[in-house]
C-alpha atoms as a PDB file:
ATOM      1  CA  MET A   1    -228.348  52.911 -82.409  1.00  0.00           C
ATOM      2  CA  LYS A   2    -229.637  49.398 -82.747  1.00  0.00           C
ATOM      3  CA  ASN A   3    -230.764  48.889 -79.160  1.00  0.00           C
ATOM      4  CA  PRO A   4    -232.869  51.776 -77.912  1.00  0.00           C
ATOM      5  CA  LEU A   5    -232.630  52.529 -74.247  1.00  0.00           C
ATOM      6  CA  ASP A   6    -235.702  51.748 -72.166  1.00  0.00           C
ATOM      7  CA  LEU A   7    -235.688  54.685 -69.821  1.00  0.00           C
ATOM      8  CA  TYR A   8    -239.425  54.953 -69.218  1.00  0.00           C
ATOM      9  CA  ILE A   9    -242.180  52.481 -68.621  1.00  0.00           C
ATOM     10  CA  ASN A  10    -244.551  51.678 -71.442  1.00  0.00           C
ATOM     11  CA  ASN A  11    -247.394  54.005 -70.339  1.00  0.00           C
ATOM     12  CA  ALA A  12    -245.314  57.205 -70.221  1.00  0.00           C
ATOM     13  CA  PRO A  13    -245.791  59.999 -72.734  1.00  0.00           C
ATOM     14  CA  TYR A  14    -242.282  59.492 -74.060  1.00  0.00           C
ATOM     15  CA  GLU A  15    -242.659  55.848 -74.907  1.00  0.00           C
ATOM     16  CA  ASP A  16    -242.392  56.298 -78.679  1.00  0.00           C
ATOM     17  CA  THR A  17    -239.254  58.336 -78.594  1.00  0.00           C
ATOM     18  CA  GLU A  18    -235.761  57.043 -79.154  1.00  0.00           C
ATOM     19  CA  TRP A  19    -233.020  58.057 -76.842  1.00  0.00           C
ATOM     20  CA  ALA A  20    -229.260  57.973 -77.355  1.00  0.00           C
ATOM     21  CA  LEU A  21    -226.516  58.336 -74.798  1.00  0.00           C
ATOM     22  CA  TYR A  22    -223.616  60.570 -75.650  1.00  0.00           C
ATOM     23  CA  GLY A  23    -220.510  61.231 -73.618  1.00  0.00           C
ATOM     24  CA  LEU A  24    -218.394  64.320 -74.165  1.00  0.00           C
ATOM     25  CA  VAL A  25    -214.761  64.058 -73.124  1.00  0.00           C
ATOM     26  CA  SER A  26    -212.039  66.634 -73.806  1.00  0.00           C
ATOM     27  CA  GLN A  27    -209.099  65.775 -76.052  1.00  0.00           C
ATOM     28  CA  LYS A  28    -206.710  66.562 -73.225  1.00  0.00           C
ATOM     29  CA  SER A  29    -208.281  63.979 -70.913  1.00  0.00           C
ATOM     30  CA  ILE A  30    -208.064  61.326 -73.666  1.00  0.00           C
ATOM     31  CA  PHE A  31    -204.434  61.888 -74.731  1.00  0.00           C
ATOM     32  CA  GLU A  32    -202.916  63.226 -71.502  1.00  0.00           C
ATOM     33  CA  LEU A  33    -201.852  59.842 -70.128  1.00  0.00           C
ATOM     34  CA  GLY A  34    -200.260  58.795 -73.438  1.00  0.00           C
ATOM     35  CA  GLU A  35    -198.381  62.090 -73.696  1.00  0.00           C
ATOM     36  CA  GLN A  36    -197.096  61.673 -70.132  1.00  0.00           C
ATOM     37  CA  VAL A  37    -195.839  58.170 -70.894  1.00  0.00           C
ATOM     38  CA  TYR A  38    -194.235  59.389 -74.148  1.00  0.00           C
ATOM     39  CA  THR A  39    -192.540  62.312 -72.359  1.00  0.00           C
ATOM     40  CA  SER A  40    -191.302  60.024 -69.577  1.00  0.00           C
ATOM     41  CA  ILE A  41    -189.846  57.570 -72.106  1.00  0.00           C
ATOM     42  CA  VAL A  42    -188.074  60.357 -74.056  1.00  0.00           C
ATOM     43  CA  ILE A  43    -186.625  61.822 -70.834  1.00  0.00           C
ATOM     44  CA  ALA A  44    -185.454  58.358 -69.700  1.00  0.00           C
ATOM     45  CA  ILE A  45    -183.786  57.741 -73.085  1.00  0.00           C
ATOM     46  CA  LEU A  46    -182.011  61.111 -72.984  1.00  0.00           C
ATOM     47  CA  ILE A  47    -180.802  60.592 -69.397  1.00  0.00           C
ATOM     48  CA  CYS A  48    -179.531  57.098 -70.258  1.00  0.00           C
ATOM     49  CA  ALA A  49    -177.785  58.417 -73.364  1.00  0.00           C
ATOM     50  CA  LEU A  50    -176.073  61.201 -71.398  1.00  0.00           C
ATOM     51  CA  LEU A  51    -175.030  58.788 -68.649  1.00  0.00           C
ATOM     52  CA  GLY A  52    -173.733  56.365 -71.290  1.00  0.00           C
ATOM     53  CA  ILE A  53    -171.682  59.100 -72.953  1.00  0.00           C
ATOM     54  CA  ALA A  54    -170.252  60.181 -69.572  1.00  0.00           C
ATOM     55  CA  VAL A  55    -169.314  56.588 -68.685  1.00  0.00           C
ATOM     56  CA  VAL A  56    -167.668  56.062 -72.084  1.00  0.00           C
ATOM     57  CA  ILE A  57    -165.643  59.272 -71.725  1.00  0.00           C
ATOM     58  CA  LEU A  58    -164.487  58.272 -68.230  1.00  0.00           C
ATOM     59  CA  LEU A  59    -163.564  54.769 -69.393  1.00  0.00           C
ATOM     60  CA  ILE A  60    -161.666  56.108 -72.398  1.00  0.00           C
ATOM     61  CA  ARG A  61    -159.679  58.457 -70.173  1.00  0.00           C
ATOM     62  CA  TYR A  62    -159.006  55.679 -67.664  1.00  0.00           C
ATOM     63  CA  VAL A  63    -157.892  53.231 -70.357  1.00  0.00           C
ATOM     64  CA  THR A  64    -155.936  55.659 -72.542  1.00  0.00           C
ATOM     65  CA  LYS A  65    -154.136  57.497 -69.724  1.00  0.00           C
ATOM     66  CA  PRO A  66    -151.540  54.720 -69.220  1.00  0.00           C
ATOM     67  CA  VAL A  67    -151.049  54.449 -72.995  1.00  0.00           C
ATOM     68  CA  TYR A  68    -150.545  58.207 -73.201  1.00  0.00           C
ATOM     69  CA  ARG A  69    -148.055  58.060 -70.305  1.00  0.00           C
ATOM     70  CA  LEU A  70    -146.161  55.284 -72.117  1.00  0.00           C
ATOM     71  CA  MET A  71    -146.050  57.370 -75.315  1.00  0.00           C
ATOM     72  CA  GLU A  72    -144.731  60.360 -73.390  1.00  0.00           C
ATOM     73  CA  SER A  73    -142.052  58.234 -71.725  1.00  0.00           C
ATOM     74  CA  VAL A  74    -140.948  56.884 -75.111  1.00  0.00           C
ATOM     75  CA  ARG A  75    -140.805  60.441 -76.482  1.00  0.00           C
ATOM     76  CA  GLY A  76    -138.593  61.320 -73.500  1.00  0.00           C
ATOM     77  CA  GLY A  77    -135.868  58.970 -74.739  1.00  0.00           C
ATOM     78  CA  THR A  78    -133.935  56.582 -72.552  1.00  0.00           C
ATOM     79  CA  ALA A  79    -134.419  58.681 -69.417  1.00  0.00           C
ATOM     80  CA  GLY A  80    -138.167  58.886 -70.034  1.00  0.00           C
ATOM     81  CA  ILE A  81    -138.472  55.149 -70.610  1.00  0.00           C
ATOM     82  CA  HIS A  82    -136.615  54.361 -67.386  1.00  0.00           C
ATOM     83  CA  SER A  83    -138.758  56.841 -65.396  1.00  0.00           C
ATOM     84  CA  PHE A  84    -142.086  55.237 -66.476  1.00  0.00           C
ATOM     85  CA  LYS A  85    -144.152  54.166 -63.463  1.00  0.00           C
ATOM     86  CA  VAL A  86    -146.018  50.837 -63.495  1.00  0.00           C
ATOM     87  CA  SER A  87    -149.568  51.252 -64.818  1.00  0.00           C
ATOM     88  CA  ASN A  88    -151.053  48.035 -63.350  1.00  0.00           C
ATOM     89  CA  ILE A  89    -152.335  47.140 -66.811  1.00  0.00           C
ATOM     90  CA  LEU A  90    -150.565  43.957 -67.840  1.00  0.00           C
ATOM     91  CA  GLU A  91    -150.344  44.655 -71.581  1.00  0.00           C
ATOM     92  CA  ILE A  92    -149.037  48.203 -71.162  1.00  0.00           C
ATOM     93  CA  ASP A  93    -146.470  47.124 -68.576  1.00  0.00           C
ATOM     94  CA  GLU A  94    -145.308  44.311 -70.876  1.00  0.00           C
ATOM     95  CA  LEU A  95    -145.066  46.753 -73.788  1.00  0.00           C
ATOM     96  CA  HIS A  96    -143.009  49.103 -71.599  1.00  0.00           C
ATOM     97  CA  ASP A  97    -140.678  46.270 -70.586  1.00  0.00           C
ATOM     98  CA  ILE A  98    -140.152  45.328 -74.234  1.00  0.00           C
ATOM     99  CA  VAL A  99    -139.494  48.937 -75.260  1.00  0.00           C
ATOM    100  CA  GLU A 100    -137.096  49.339 -72.337  1.00  0.00           C
ATOM    101  CA  LYS A 101    -135.176  46.167 -73.220  1.00  0.00           C
ATOM    102  CA  VAL A 102    -134.981  47.069 -76.911  1.00  0.00           C
ATOM    103  CA  THR A 103    -133.842  50.605 -76.093  1.00  0.00           C
ATOM    104  CA  ASP A 104    -131.148  49.357 -73.715  1.00  0.00           C
ATOM    105  CA  ALA A 105    -129.955  46.806 -76.283  1.00  0.00           C
ATOM    106  CA  GLN A 106    -129.899  49.480 -78.978  1.00  0.00           C
ATOM    107  CA  LYS A 107    -127.898  51.800 -76.704  1.00  0.00           C
ATOM    108  CA  ARG A 108    -125.366  49.055 -75.923  1.00  0.00           C
ATOM    109  CA  THR A 109    -125.052  48.244 -79.628  1.00  0.00           C
ATOM    110  CA  GLU A 110    -124.634  51.927 -80.465  1.00  0.00           C
ATOM    111  CA  ASP A 111    -121.900  52.290 -77.846  1.00  0.00           C
ATOM    112  CA  GLN A 112    -120.136  49.179 -79.161  1.00  0.00           C
ATOM    113  CA  LEU A 113    -120.340  50.469 -82.741  1.00  0.00           C
ATOM    114  CA  LEU A 114    -118.950  53.849 -81.740  1.00  0.00           C
ATOM    115  CA  ASP A 115    -116.107  52.120 -79.899  1.00  0.00           C
ATOM    116  CA  GLU A 116    -115.403  49.870 -82.901  1.00  0.00           C
ATOM    117  CA  LYS A 117    -115.568  52.872 -85.234  1.00  0.00           C
ATOM    118  CA  GLU A 118    -112.998  54.728 -83.153  1.00  0.00           C
ATOM    119  CA  LYS A 119    -110.716  51.674 -83.027  1.00  0.00           C
ATOM    120  CA  TYR A 120    -111.066  51.215 -86.792  1.00  0.00           C
ATOM    121  CA  ARG A 121    -110.339  54.894 -87.443  1.00  0.00           C
ATOM    122  CA  ILE A 122    -107.199  54.745 -85.297  1.00  0.00           C
ATOM    123  CA  ALA A 123    -106.058  51.529 -86.985  1.00  0.00           C
ATOM    124  CA  VAL A 124    -106.616  52.963 -90.476  1.00  0.00           C
ATOM    125  CA  GLU A 125    -104.849  56.169 -89.546  1.00  0.00           C
ATOM    126  CA  LYS A 126    -101.857  54.276 -88.131  1.00  0.00           C
ATOM    127  CA  THR A 127    -101.767  51.981 -91.155  1.00  0.00           C
ATOM    128  CA  TRP A 128    -101.954  54.941 -93.537  1.00  0.00           C
ATOM    129  CA  ASN A 129     -99.159  56.745 -91.687  1.00  0.00           C
ATOM    130  CA  ARG A 130     -97.001  53.633 -91.731  1.00  0.00           C
ATOM    131  CA  ILE A 131     -97.621  53.094 -95.464  1.00  0.00           C
ATOM    132  CA  MET A 132     -96.755  56.704 -96.151  1.00  0.00           C
ATOM    133  CA  GLU A 133     -93.564  56.352 -94.094  1.00  0.00           C
ATOM    134  CA  ASP A 134     -92.549  53.069 -95.735  1.00  0.00           C
ATOM    135  CA  TYR A 135     -93.614  53.949 -99.302  1.00  0.00           C
ATOM    136  CA  PRO A 136     -93.522  57.685 -99.747  1.00  0.00           C
ATOM    137  CA  VAL A 137     -95.213  59.019-102.885  1.00  0.00           C
ATOM    138  CA  PRO A 138     -93.826  62.356-104.022  1.00  0.00           C
ATOM    139  CA  GLY A 139     -96.410  65.116-103.616  1.00  0.00           C
ATOM    140  CA  LEU A 140     -99.098  62.822-102.145  1.00  0.00           C
ATOM    141  CA  SER A 141     -97.760  62.798 -98.624  1.00  0.00           C
ATOM    142  CA  ALA A 142     -97.666  66.595 -98.533  1.00  0.00           C
ATOM    143  CA  PHE A 143    -101.277  66.676 -99.809  1.00  0.00           C
ATOM    144  CA  VAL A 144    -102.458  64.080 -97.266  1.00  0.00           C
ATOM    145  CA  SER A 145    -100.684  65.718 -94.332  1.00  0.00           C
ATOM    146  CA  THR A 146    -102.075  69.133 -95.307  1.00  0.00           C
ATOM    147  CA  ARG A 147    -105.552  67.642 -95.686  1.00  0.00           C
ATOM    148  CA  SER A 148    -105.257  65.829 -92.317  1.00  0.00           C
ATOM    149  CA  LYS A 149    -104.214  69.018 -90.533  1.00  0.00           C
ATOM    150  CA  LYS A 150    -107.058  70.950 -92.181  1.00  0.00           C
ATOM    151  CA  LYS A 151    -109.649  68.313 -91.174  1.00  0.00           C
ATOM    152  CA  LYS A 152    -108.335  68.207 -87.598  1.00  0.00           C
ATOM    153  CA  LEU A 153    -108.645  71.986 -87.395  1.00  0.00           C
ATOM    154  CA  GLU A 154    -112.249  71.764 -88.650  1.00  0.00           C
ATOM    155  CA  GLY A 155    -113.035  69.044 -86.104  1.00  0.00           C
ATOM    156  CA  GLU A 156    -113.553  66.270 -88.650  1.00  0.00           C
ATOM    157  CA  THR A 157    -111.849  62.898 -88.830  1.00  0.00           C
ATOM    158  CA  ILE A 158    -110.329  61.325 -91.881  1.00  0.00           C
END
């Protein structure tokens, strides 16, 4: 030490001795506070992470539930689409309305096409019968009538 401690007066028997002051402190008392702070920070980070994960899971379920319901209604066909309940989420409700309109338009178009197909089939059949009556071809009319009867028995149309 550079500065000796003056513990005794100059006329004492220990005046020529040098004294040093030492302090002994345990390692636990030095690092205990730092370890407590470190442990508290780690626990706080873990709790925040777990709470964050729980909030994210709840939000995902809340947000995806209406989308899942919409998917299920679309899988259910026309009846499922019409039975979809409003989700109160603007984008999903708009998507449902669009799907519903497109499905209804497709169904109307399908019905019209089936009606037109049936009308066309009847017209072709009548025209074919009239042609065969007006211009009989030997052997062909017997083949066509046999084929028509066979198809009708099988449930098919010409």
